[in-house]
PDB file of N, CA and C in Angstrom:
ATOM      1  N   MET A   1     -51.181 -37.892  91.799  1.00  0.00           N
ATOM      2  CA  MET A   1     -51.817 -38.561  90.689  1.00  0.00           C
ATOM      3  C   MET A   1     -53.309 -38.649  90.981  1.00  0.00           C
ATOM      4  N   LYS A   2     -54.104 -38.369  90.009  1.00  0.00           N
ATOM      5  CA  LYS A   2     -55.545 -38.508  90.155  1.00  0.00           C
ATOM      6  C   LYS A   2     -55.976 -39.746  89.404  1.00  0.00           C
ATOM      7  N   THR A   3     -56.897 -40.486  90.017  1.00  0.00           N
ATOM      8  CA  THR A   3     -57.416 -41.690  89.377  1.00  0.00           C
ATOM      9  C   THR A   3     -58.835 -41.924  89.848  1.00  0.00           C
ATOM     10  N   THR A   4     -59.543 -42.775  89.175  1.00  0.00           N
ATOM     11  CA  THR A   4     -60.901 -43.141  89.560  1.00  0.00           C
ATOM     12  C   THR A   4     -60.867 -44.551  90.123  1.00  0.00           C
ATOM     13  N   VAL A   5     -61.531 -44.726  91.253  1.00  0.00           N
ATOM     14  CA  VAL A   5     -61.596 -46.040  91.884  1.00  0.00           C
ATOM     15  C   VAL A   5     -63.055 -46.409  92.046  1.00  0.00           C
ATOM     16  N   GLU A   6     -63.429 -47.575  91.545  1.00  0.00           N
ATOM     17  CA  GLU A   6     -64.795 -48.065  91.718  1.00  0.00           C
ATOM     18  C   GLU A   6     -64.788 -49.137  92.799  1.00  0.00           C
ATOM     19  N   ILE A   7     -65.621 -48.933  93.815  1.00  0.00           N
ATOM     20  CA  ILE A   7     -65.746 -49.913  94.900  1.00  0.00           C
ATOM     21  C   ILE A   7     -67.230 -50.217  95.109  1.00  0.00           C
ATOM     22  N   SER A   8     -67.504 -51.318  95.744  1.00  0.00           N
ATOM     23  CA  SER A   8     -68.898 -51.709  95.986  1.00  0.00           C
ATOM     24  C   SER A   8     -69.568 -50.712  96.937  1.00  0.00           C
ATOM     25  N   ASP A   9     -70.888 -50.662  96.857  1.00  0.00           N
ATOM     26  CA  ASP A   9     -71.644 -49.748  97.708  1.00  0.00           C
ATOM     27  C   ASP A   9     -71.444 -50.080  99.192  1.00  0.00           C
ATOM     28  N   GLY A  10     -71.423 -51.368  99.505  1.00  0.00           N
ATOM     29  CA  GLY A  10     -71.237 -51.775 100.902  1.00  0.00           C
ATOM     30  C   GLY A  10     -69.898 -51.326 101.454  1.00  0.00           C
ATOM     31  N   LEU A  11     -68.844 -51.514 100.659  1.00  0.00           N
ATOM     32  CA  LEU A  11     -67.513 -51.087 101.086  1.00  0.00           C
ATOM     33  C   LEU A  11     -67.452 -49.572 101.212  1.00  0.00           C
ATOM     34  N   ALA A  12     -68.101 -48.873 100.287  1.00  0.00           N
ATOM     35  CA  ALA A  12     -68.116 -47.406 100.339  1.00  0.00           C
ATOM     36  C   ALA A  12     -68.753 -46.919 101.631  1.00  0.00           C
ATOM     37  N   GLU A  13     -69.829 -47.560 102.058  1.00  0.00           N
ATOM     38  CA  GLU A  13     -70.484 -47.175 103.315  1.00  0.00           C
ATOM     39  C   GLU A  13     -69.568 -47.424 104.513  1.00  0.00           C
ATOM     40  N   GLU A  14     -68.870 -48.564 104.492  1.00  0.00           N
ATOM     41  CA  GLU A  14     -67.927 -48.858 105.583  1.00  0.00           C
ATOM     42  C   GLU A  14     -66.810 -47.833 105.621  1.00  0.00           C
ATOM     43  N   VAL A  15     -66.313 -47.451 104.456  1.00  0.00           N
ATOM     44  CA  VAL A  15     -65.229 -46.469 104.388  1.00  0.00           C
ATOM     45  C   VAL A  15     -65.712 -45.119 104.899  1.00  0.00           C
ATOM     46  N   LYS A  16     -66.927 -44.719 104.518  1.00  0.00           N
ATOM     47  CA  LYS A  16     -67.471 -43.443 104.995  1.00  0.00           C
ATOM     48  C   LYS A  16     -67.577 -43.435 106.515  1.00  0.00           C
ATOM     49  N   ALA A  17     -68.058 -44.529 107.088  1.00  0.00           N
ATOM     50  CA  ALA A  17     -68.171 -44.620 108.545  1.00  0.00           C
ATOM     51  C   ALA A  17     -66.796 -44.568 109.193  1.00  0.00           C
ATOM     52  N   PHE A  18     -65.830 -45.265 108.608  1.00  0.00           N
ATOM     53  CA  PHE A  18     -64.463 -45.254 109.126  1.00  0.00           C
ATOM     54  C   PHE A  18     -63.882 -43.844 109.093  1.00  0.00           C
ATOM     55  N   MET A  19     -64.071 -43.162 107.967  1.00  0.00           N
ATOM     56  CA  MET A  19     -63.533 -41.808 107.819  1.00  0.00           C
ATOM     57  C   MET A  19     -64.149 -40.877 108.860  1.00  0.00           C
ATOM     58  N   ALA A  20     -65.440 -41.036 109.124  1.00  0.00           N
ATOM     59  CA  ALA A  20     -66.102 -40.192 110.123  1.00  0.00           C
ATOM     60  C   ALA A  20     -65.556 -40.468 111.520  1.00  0.00           C
ATOM     61  N   ARG A  21     -65.376 -41.737 111.843  1.00  0.00           N
ATOM     62  CA  ARG A  21     -64.846 -42.096 113.176  1.00  0.00           C
ATOM     63  C   ARG A  21     -63.430 -41.601 113.374  1.00  0.00           C
ATOM     64  N   GLU A  22     -62.610 -41.780 112.336  1.00  0.00           N
ATOM     65  CA  GLU A  22     -61.177 -41.495 112.441  1.00  0.00           C
ATOM     66  C   GLU A  22     -60.817 -40.072 112.042  1.00  0.00           C
ATOM     67  N   GLY A  23     -61.756 -39.351 111.472  1.00  0.00           N
ATOM     68  CA  GLY A  23     -61.446 -38.015 110.979  1.00  0.00           C
ATOM     69  C   GLY A  23     -60.448 -38.067 109.834  1.00  0.00           C
ATOM     70  N   ALA A  24     -60.591 -39.077 108.993  1.00  0.00           N
ATOM     71  CA  ALA A  24     -59.649 -39.309 107.892  1.00  0.00           C
ATOM     72  C   ALA A  24     -60.279 -38.905 106.567  1.00  0.00           C
ATOM     73  N   THR A  25     -59.434 -38.701 105.595  1.00  0.00           N
ATOM     74  CA  THR A  25     -59.904 -38.434 104.237  1.00  0.00           C
ATOM     75  C   THR A  25     -59.873 -39.731 103.443  1.00  0.00           C
ATOM     76  N   PHE A  26     -60.622 -39.739 102.336  1.00  0.00           N
ATOM     77  CA  PHE A  26     -60.616 -40.917 101.474  1.00  0.00           C
ATOM     78  C   PHE A  26     -59.202 -41.170 100.955  1.00  0.00           C
ATOM     79  N   ARG A  27     -58.522 -40.107 100.590  1.00  0.00           N
ATOM     80  CA  ARG A  27     -57.151 -40.243 100.081  1.00  0.00           C
ATOM     81  C   ARG A  27     -56.248 -40.906 101.122  1.00  0.00           C
ATOM     82  N   SER A  28     -56.333 -40.468 102.380  1.00  0.00           N
ATOM     83  CA  SER A  28     -55.459 -41.039 103.410  1.00  0.00           C
ATOM     84  C   SER A  28     -55.767 -42.515 103.652  1.00  0.00           C
ATOM     85  N   VAL A  29     -57.054 -42.883 103.581  1.00  0.00           N
ATOM     86  CA  VAL A  29     -57.438 -44.277 103.784  1.00  0.00           C
ATOM     87  C   VAL A  29     -56.892 -45.144 102.640  1.00  0.00           C
ATOM     88  N   VAL A  30     -57.048 -44.680 101.407  1.00  0.00           N
ATOM     89  CA  VAL A  30     -56.552 -45.431 100.251  1.00  0.00           C
ATOM     90  C   VAL A  30     -55.037 -45.554 100.302  1.00  0.00           C
ATOM     91  N   GLU A  31     -54.345 -44.451 100.592  1.00  0.00           N
ATOM     92  CA  GLU A  31     -52.873 -44.500 100.657  1.00  0.00           C
ATOM     93  C   GLU A  31     -52.400 -45.440 101.757  1.00  0.00           C
ATOM     94  N   ARG A  32     -53.057 -45.381 102.893  1.00  0.00           N
ATOM     95  CA  ARG A  32     -52.679 -46.268 104.004  1.00  0.00           C
ATOM     96  C   ARG A  32     -52.866 -47.732 103.609  1.00  0.00           C
ATOM     97  N   GLY A  33     -53.996 -48.029 102.973  1.00  0.00           N
ATOM     98  CA  GLY A  33     -54.255 -49.405 102.538  1.00  0.00           C
ATOM     99  C   GLY A  33     -53.244 -49.882 101.519  1.00  0.00           C
ATOM    100  N   LEU A  34     -52.917 -49.028 100.566  1.00  0.00           N
ATOM    101  CA  LEU A  34     -51.941 -49.414  99.550  1.00  0.00           C
ATOM    102  C   LEU A  34     -50.564 -49.644 100.166  1.00  0.00           C
ATOM    103  N   ARG A  35     -50.180 -48.789 101.108  1.00  0.00           N
ATOM    104  CA  ARG A  35     -48.878 -48.973 101.777  1.00  0.00           C
ATOM    105  C   ARG A  35     -48.826 -50.293 102.534  1.00  0.00           C
ATOM    106  N   GLU A  36     -49.918 -50.614 103.207  1.00  0.00           N
ATOM    107  CA  GLU A  36     -49.955 -51.875 103.963  1.00  0.00           C
ATOM    108  C   GLU A  36     -49.855 -53.081 103.034  1.00  0.00           C
ATOM    109  N   VAL A  37     -50.540 -53.029 101.912  1.00  0.00           N
ATOM    110  CA  VAL A  37     -50.478 -54.133 100.947  1.00  0.00           C
ATOM    111  C   VAL A  37     -49.062 -54.279 100.410  1.00  0.00           C
ATOM    112  N   LEU A  38     -48.430 -53.183 100.040  1.00  0.00           N
ATOM    113  CA  LEU A  38     -47.071 -53.243  99.508  1.00  0.00           C
ATOM    114  C   LEU A  38     -46.071 -53.718 100.554  1.00  0.00           C
ATOM    115  N   ARG A  39     -46.219 -53.255 101.778  1.00  0.00           N
ATOM    116  CA  ARG A  39     -45.305 -53.644 102.859  1.00  0.00           C
ATOM    117  C   ARG A  39     -45.463 -55.129 103.172  1.00  0.00           C
ATOM    118  N   ALA A  40     -46.681 -55.620 103.171  1.00  0.00           N
ATOM    119  CA  ALA A  40     -46.924 -57.041 103.468  1.00  0.00           C
ATOM    120  C   ALA A  40     -46.277 -57.937 102.424  1.00  0.00           C
ATOM    121  N   GLY A  41     -46.218 -57.475 101.184  1.00  0.00           N
ATOM    122  CA  GLY A  41     -45.606 -58.265 100.127  1.00  0.00           C
ATOM    123  C   GLY A  41     -44.094 -58.253 100.167  1.00  0.00           C
ATOM    124  N   GLN A  42     -43.497 -57.285 100.850  1.00  0.00           N
ATOM    125  CA  GLN A  42     -42.049 -57.152 100.890  1.00  0.00           C
ATOM    126  C   GLN A  42     -41.415 -57.841 102.080  1.00  0.00           C
ATOM    127  N   GLU A  43     -42.122 -57.912 103.170  1.00  0.00           N
ATOM    128  CA  GLU A  43     -41.537 -58.417 104.413  1.00  0.00           C
ATOM    129  C   GLU A  43     -42.134 -59.763 104.787  1.00  0.00           C
ATOM    130  N   PRO A  44     -41.486 -60.833 104.386  1.00  0.00           N
ATOM    131  CA  PRO A  44     -42.020 -62.123 104.823  1.00  0.00           C
ATOM    132  C   PRO A  44     -41.880 -62.239 106.342  1.00  0.00           C
ATOM    133  N   ARG A  45     -42.954 -62.630 106.963  1.00  0.00           N
ATOM    134  CA  ARG A  45     -42.927 -62.761 108.420  1.00  0.00           C
ATOM    135  C   ARG A  45     -42.219 -64.053 108.802  1.00  0.00           C
ATOM    136  N   PRO A  46     -41.284 -63.969 109.719  1.00  0.00           N
ATOM    137  CA  PRO A  46     -40.620 -65.204 110.150  1.00  0.00           C
ATOM    138  C   PRO A  46     -41.605 -66.089 110.916  1.00  0.00           C
ATOM    139  N   PHE A  47     -41.459 -67.375 110.730  1.00  0.00           N
ATOM    140  CA  PHE A  47     -42.326 -68.314 111.427  1.00  0.00           C
ATOM    141  C   PHE A  47     -41.975 -68.328 112.909  1.00  0.00           C
ATOM    142  N   ALA A  48     -42.980 -68.227 113.744  1.00  0.00           N
ATOM    143  CA  ALA A  48     -42.773 -68.294 115.183  1.00  0.00           C
ATOM    144  C   ALA A  48     -43.687 -69.383 115.737  1.00  0.00           C
ATOM    145  N   LEU A  49     -43.087 -70.416 116.272  1.00  0.00           N
ATOM    146  CA  LEU A  49     -43.852 -71.512 116.846  1.00  0.00           C
ATOM    147  C   LEU A  49     -44.407 -71.074 118.192  1.00  0.00           C
ATOM    148  N   ARG A  50     -45.703 -71.243 118.369  1.00  0.00           N
ATOM    149  CA  ARG A  50     -46.349 -70.883 119.625  1.00  0.00           C
ATOM    150  C   ARG A  50     -45.835 -71.791 120.741  1.00  0.00           C
ATOM    151  N   ASP A  51     -45.563 -71.216 121.888  1.00  0.00           N
ATOM    152  CA  ASP A  51     -45.109 -71.996 123.035  1.00  0.00           C
ATOM    153  C   ASP A  51     -46.302 -72.747 123.609  1.00  0.00           C
ATOM    154  N   ALA A  52     -46.324 -74.050 123.438  1.00  0.00           N
ATOM    155  CA  ALA A  52     -47.434 -74.864 123.913  1.00  0.00           C
ATOM    156  C   ALA A  52     -47.004 -75.750 125.087  1.00  0.00           C
ATOM    157  N   SER A  53     -45.892 -75.407 125.694  1.00  0.00           N
ATOM    158  CA  SER A  53     -45.411 -76.223 126.804  1.00  0.00           C
ATOM    159  C   SER A  53     -46.296 -76.025 128.032  1.00  0.00           C
ATOM    160  N   VAL A  54     -46.262 -77.000 128.905  1.00  0.00           N
ATOM    161  CA  VAL A  54     -47.052 -76.948 130.130  1.00  0.00           C
ATOM    162  C   VAL A  54     -46.129 -77.107 131.324  1.00  0.00           C
ATOM    163  N   GLY A  55     -46.589 -76.656 132.431  1.00  0.00           N
ATOM    164  CA  GLY A  55     -45.792 -76.811 133.647  1.00  0.00           C
ATOM    165  C   GLY A  55     -45.752 -78.267 134.073  1.00  0.00           C
ATOM    166  N   GLY A  56     -44.826 -78.612 134.865  1.00  0.00           N
ATOM    167  CA  GLY A  56     -44.727 -79.986 135.338  1.00  0.00           C
ATOM    168  C   GLY A  56     -43.283 -80.420 135.457  1.00  0.00           C
ATOM    169  N   ARG A  57     -43.106 -81.686 135.811  1.00  0.00           N
ATOM    170  CA  ARG A  57     -41.746 -82.201 136.009  1.00  0.00           C
ATOM    171  C   ARG A  57     -41.430 -83.326 135.040  1.00  0.00           C
ATOM    172  N   GLY A  58     -42.023 -83.292 133.860  1.00  0.00           N
ATOM    173  CA  GLY A  58     -41.716 -84.308 132.868  1.00  0.00           C
ATOM    174  C   GLY A  58     -42.578 -85.542 133.017  1.00  0.00           C
ATOM    175  N   LEU A  59     -42.082 -86.645 132.497  1.00  0.00           N
ATOM    176  CA  LEU A  59     -42.832 -87.898 132.523  1.00  0.00           C
ATOM    177  C   LEU A  59     -42.920 -88.472 133.926  1.00  0.00           C
ATOM    178  N   GLN A  60     -43.955 -89.264 134.152  1.00  0.00           N
ATOM    179  CA  GLN A  60     -44.079 -89.982 135.408  1.00  0.00           C
ATOM    180  C   GLN A  60     -42.915 -90.964 135.504  1.00  0.00           C
ATOM    181  N   ALA A  61     -42.539 -91.303 136.701  1.00  0.00           N
ATOM    182  CA  ALA A  61     -41.385 -92.169 136.938  1.00  0.00           C
ATOM    183  C   ALA A  61     -41.456 -93.465 136.134  1.00  0.00           C
ATOM    184  N   ALA A  62     -42.636 -94.048 136.002  1.00  0.00           N
ATOM    185  CA  ALA A  62     -42.794 -95.320 135.302  1.00  0.00           C
ATOM    186  C   ALA A  62     -42.462 -95.206 133.811  1.00  0.00           C
ATOM    187  N   PHE A  63     -42.472 -94.003 133.269  1.00  0.00           N
ATOM    188  CA  PHE A  63     -42.253 -93.826 131.833  1.00  0.00           C
ATOM    189  C   PHE A  63     -40.964 -93.085 131.487  1.00  0.00           C
ATOM    190  N   ARG A  64     -40.198 -92.699 132.468  1.00  0.00           N
ATOM    191  CA  ARG A  64     -38.999 -91.887 132.198  1.00  0.00           C
ATOM    192  C   ARG A  64     -37.983 -92.590 131.298  1.00  0.00           C
ATOM    193  N   ASP A  65     -37.839 -93.888 131.462  1.00  0.00           N
ATOM    194  CA  ASP A  65     -36.878 -94.623 130.633  1.00  0.00           C
ATOM    195  C   ASP A  65     -37.563 -95.470 129.570  1.00  0.00           C
ATOM    196  N   ALA A  66     -38.870 -95.316 129.423  1.00  0.00           N
ATOM    197  CA  ALA A  66     -39.624 -96.133 128.463  1.00  0.00           C
ATOM    198  C   ALA A  66     -39.492 -95.550 127.062  1.00  0.00           C
ATOM    199  N   GLY A  67     -39.618 -96.425 126.088  1.00  0.00           N
ATOM    200  CA  GLY A  67     -39.618 -95.988 124.695  1.00  0.00           C
ATOM    201  C   GLY A  67     -41.006 -95.524 124.281  1.00  0.00           C
ATOM    202  N   TRP A  68     -41.073 -94.928 123.095  1.00  0.00           N
ATOM    203  CA  TRP A  68     -42.332 -94.411 122.603  1.00  0.00           C
ATOM    204  C   TRP A  68     -43.391 -95.513 122.493  1.00  0.00           C
ATOM    205  N   GLU A  69     -42.996 -96.719 122.126  1.00  0.00           N
ATOM    206  CA  GLU A  69     -43.956 -97.805 121.979  1.00  0.00           C
ATOM    207  C   GLU A  69     -44.668 -98.085 123.303  1.00  0.00           C
ATOM    208  N   ARG A  70     -43.930 -98.132 124.403  1.00  0.00           N
ATOM    209  CA  ARG A  70     -44.526 -98.389 125.732  1.00  0.00           C
ATOM    210  C   ARG A  70     -45.446 -97.245 126.141  1.00  0.00           C
ATOM    211  N   ILE A  71     -45.046 -96.009 125.862  1.00  0.00           N
ATOM    212  CA  ILE A  71     -45.875 -94.847 126.206  1.00  0.00           C
ATOM    213  C   ILE A  71     -47.173 -94.886 125.402  1.00  0.00           C
ATOM    214  N   ARG A  72     -47.081 -95.210 124.117  1.00  0.00           N
ATOM    215  CA  ARG A  72     -48.263 -95.288 123.264  1.00  0.00           C
ATOM    216  C   ARG A  72     -49.201 -96.401 123.750  1.00  0.00           C
ATOM    217  N   GLU A  73     -48.645 -97.560 124.124  1.00  0.00           N
ATOM    218  CA  GLU A  73     -49.467 -98.665 124.643  1.00  0.00           C
ATOM    219  C   GLU A  73     -50.247 -98.220 125.871  1.00  0.00           C
ATOM    220  N   ALA A  74     -49.582 -97.512 126.759  1.00  0.00           N
ATOM    221  CA  ALA A  74     -50.247 -97.047 127.982  1.00  0.00           C
ATOM    222  C   ALA A  74     -51.344 -96.034 127.662  1.00  0.00           C
ATOM    223  N   ALA A  75     -51.107 -95.207 126.686  1.00  0.00           N
ATOM    224  CA  ALA A  75     -52.083 -94.191 126.319  1.00  0.00           C
ATOM    225  C   ALA A  75     -53.352 -94.816 125.759  1.00  0.00           C
ATOM    226  N   TYR A  76     -53.201 -95.944 125.033  1.00  0.00           N
ATOM    227  CA  TYR A  76     -54.358 -96.576 124.411  1.00  0.00           C
ATOM    228  C   TYR A  76     -54.864 -97.788 125.195  1.00  0.00           C
ATOM    229  N   GLU A  77     -54.292 -98.059 126.341  1.00  0.00           N
ATOM    230  CA  GLU A  77     -54.677 -99.196 127.157  1.00  0.00           C
ATOM    231  C   GLU A  77     -56.156 -99.130 127.518  1.00  0.00           C
ATOM    232  N   GLY A  78     -56.876-100.242 127.279  1.00  0.00           N
ATOM    233  CA  GLY A  78     -58.288-100.318 127.628  1.00  0.00           C
ATOM    234  C   GLY A  78     -59.204 -99.616 126.633  1.00  0.00           C
ATOM    235  N   ARG A  79     -58.685 -99.246 125.468  1.00  0.00           N
ATOM    236  CA  ARG A  79     -59.516 -98.543 124.479  1.00  0.00           C
ATOM    237  C   ARG A  79     -59.786 -99.395 123.245  1.00  0.00           C
ATOM    238  N   GLY A  80     -59.887-100.670 123.436  1.00  0.00           N
ATOM    239  CA  GLY A  80     -60.221-101.551 122.324  1.00  0.00           C
ATOM    240  C   GLY A  80     -59.017-101.953 121.494  1.00  0.00           C
ATOM    241  N   GLY A  81     -59.291-102.651 120.406  1.00  0.00           N
ATOM    242  CA  GLY A  81     -58.402-103.143 119.403  1.00  0.00           C
ATOM    243  C   GLY A  81     -57.000-103.117 119.665  1.00  0.00           C
TER     244      GLY A  81
END
């Protein structure tokens, strides 16, 4: 299929530089971009929670059996109000 595509001058310059670096044609760049857009819309990415755990042996002995209220009090101890 033949079609006309109007793009900004700045984007056109970036595409020309990309094509020169990659040895690609304008057609291949456009087709690749369109495929990526279509694929992104079809495949919802599953949520992956980043592992933010740290090394260690858990809570200090003084807090192992404490409730959240006691832990929070200790965290804010000496910080006013």
